[in-house]
């Protein structure tokens, strides 16, 4: 079967849920929070204020749009690079 990417950013909540849903949340939201909790990001100050790497943010968005997860990410992910796409996704719902 051919994988057809479906956007998970700049779409409605309903559409995001239809792409991938975990525990009643859009997958982008669930996976981002899961990553941030695992990395103890709640102990860091300003994770939603600091800008992450543009290249990493774009790569993460591309991965999600292609159905991949952070656990498959071998990039230099950091708290801000993960929190920014989460924030952008949440702002469109």
Protein backbone atom coordinates (compact mmCIF):
# COMPACT_ATOMS: atom_id res chain seq x y z
CA UNK A 1 0.00 0.00 0.00
CA UNK A 2 1.11 3.53 -0.77
CA UNK A 3 1.30 5.93 2.19
CA UNK A 4 -0.40 9.23 1.44
CA UNK A 5 0.75 11.92 3.88
CA UNK A 6 -1.99 13.92 5.59
CA UNK A 7 -1.33 17.23 7.26
CA UNK A 8 -1.60 17.43 11.02
CA UNK A 9 -0.81 21.15 11.22
CA UNK A 10 -3.17 23.99 10.30
CA UNK A 11 -6.16 21.65 10.23
CA UNK A 12 -9.26 21.44 12.41
CA UNK A 13 -9.33 19.34 15.55
CA UNK A 14 -11.69 16.89 13.87
CA UNK A 15 -9.39 16.46 10.89
CA UNK A 16 -6.35 16.05 13.12
CA UNK A 17 -8.17 13.35 15.09
CA UNK A 18 -9.09 11.58 11.85
CA UNK A 19 -5.42 11.44 10.84
CA UNK A 20 -4.23 9.85 14.09
CA UNK A 21 -5.76 9.70 17.55
CA UNK A 22 -4.25 8.41 20.78
CA UNK A 23 -6.17 8.48 24.07
CA UNK A 24 -8.74 10.86 22.60
CA UNK A 25 -6.08 13.40 21.58
CA UNK A 26 -4.55 14.19 18.20
CA UNK A 27 -1.35 12.15 17.90
CA UNK A 28 0.79 15.29 17.56
CA UNK A 29 -0.48 16.49 20.95
CA UNK A 30 -0.15 13.11 22.70
CA UNK A 31 3.33 12.33 21.31
CA UNK A 32 4.66 15.82 22.02
CA UNK A 33 3.47 15.75 25.62
CA UNK A 34 4.79 12.20 26.00
CA UNK A 35 8.23 13.32 24.76
CA UNK A 36 8.28 16.44 26.95
CA UNK A 37 7.27 14.45 30.05
CA UNK A 38 9.90 11.76 29.37
CA UNK A 39 12.57 14.46 29.08
CA UNK A 40 11.31 16.18 32.26
CA UNK A 41 10.67 19.39 30.34
CA UNK A 42 8.34 20.59 33.10
CA UNK A 43 11.49 21.24 35.12
CA UNK A 44 12.86 23.59 32.44
CA UNK A 45 11.96 27.25 32.37
CA UNK A 46 10.47 28.86 29.29
CA UNK A 47 10.14 25.87 26.95
CA UNK A 48 7.28 27.61 25.11
CA UNK A 49 9.09 30.93 24.91
CA UNK A 50 12.47 29.83 23.59
CA UNK A 51 12.73 29.22 19.88
CA UNK A 52 14.02 25.86 18.82
CA UNK A 53 16.06 25.09 15.75
CA UNK A 54 14.11 25.97 12.60
CA UNK A 55 15.56 22.96 10.78
CA UNK A 56 14.60 20.56 13.60
CA UNK A 57 11.10 22.06 13.89
CA UNK A 58 10.55 21.69 10.15
CA UNK A 59 11.88 18.13 10.20
CA UNK A 60 9.60 17.24 13.13
CA UNK A 61 6.58 18.72 11.35
CA UNK A 62 7.48 16.77 8.21
CA UNK A 63 7.83 13.57 10.28
CA UNK A 64 4.38 14.04 11.82
CA UNK A 65 2.85 14.85 8.45
CA UNK A 66 4.30 11.54 7.25
CA UNK A 67 2.98 9.53 10.20
CA UNK A 68 6.24 9.17 12.12
CA UNK A 69 6.93 9.77 15.82
CA UNK A 70 9.55 11.32 18.07
CA UNK A 71 10.66 7.87 19.21
CA UNK A 72 11.82 7.32 15.64
CA UNK A 73 13.63 10.65 15.65
CA UNK A 74 17.41 10.52 15.66
CA UNK A 75 17.73 14.29 15.30
CA UNK A 76 18.98 16.71 17.89
CA UNK A 77 15.52 17.21 19.38
CA UNK A 78 15.27 19.51 22.36
CA UNK A 79 12.43 20.76 24.52
CA UNK A 80 11.86 23.96 22.59
CA UNK A 81 12.07 22.26 19.20
CA UNK A 82 9.30 19.90 20.34
CA UNK A 83 7.16 22.42 22.21
CA UNK A 84 6.93 24.88 19.29
CA UNK A 85 5.21 22.43 16.88
CA UNK A 86 2.92 21.40 19.76
CA UNK A 87 2.05 25.03 20.39
CA UNK A 88 1.43 25.63 16.66
CA UNK A 89 -0.79 22.57 16.36
CA UNK A 90 -2.81 23.57 19.43
CA UNK A 91 -3.32 27.10 18.14
CA UNK A 92 -5.14 25.79 15.06
CA UNK A 93 -7.72 23.66 16.88
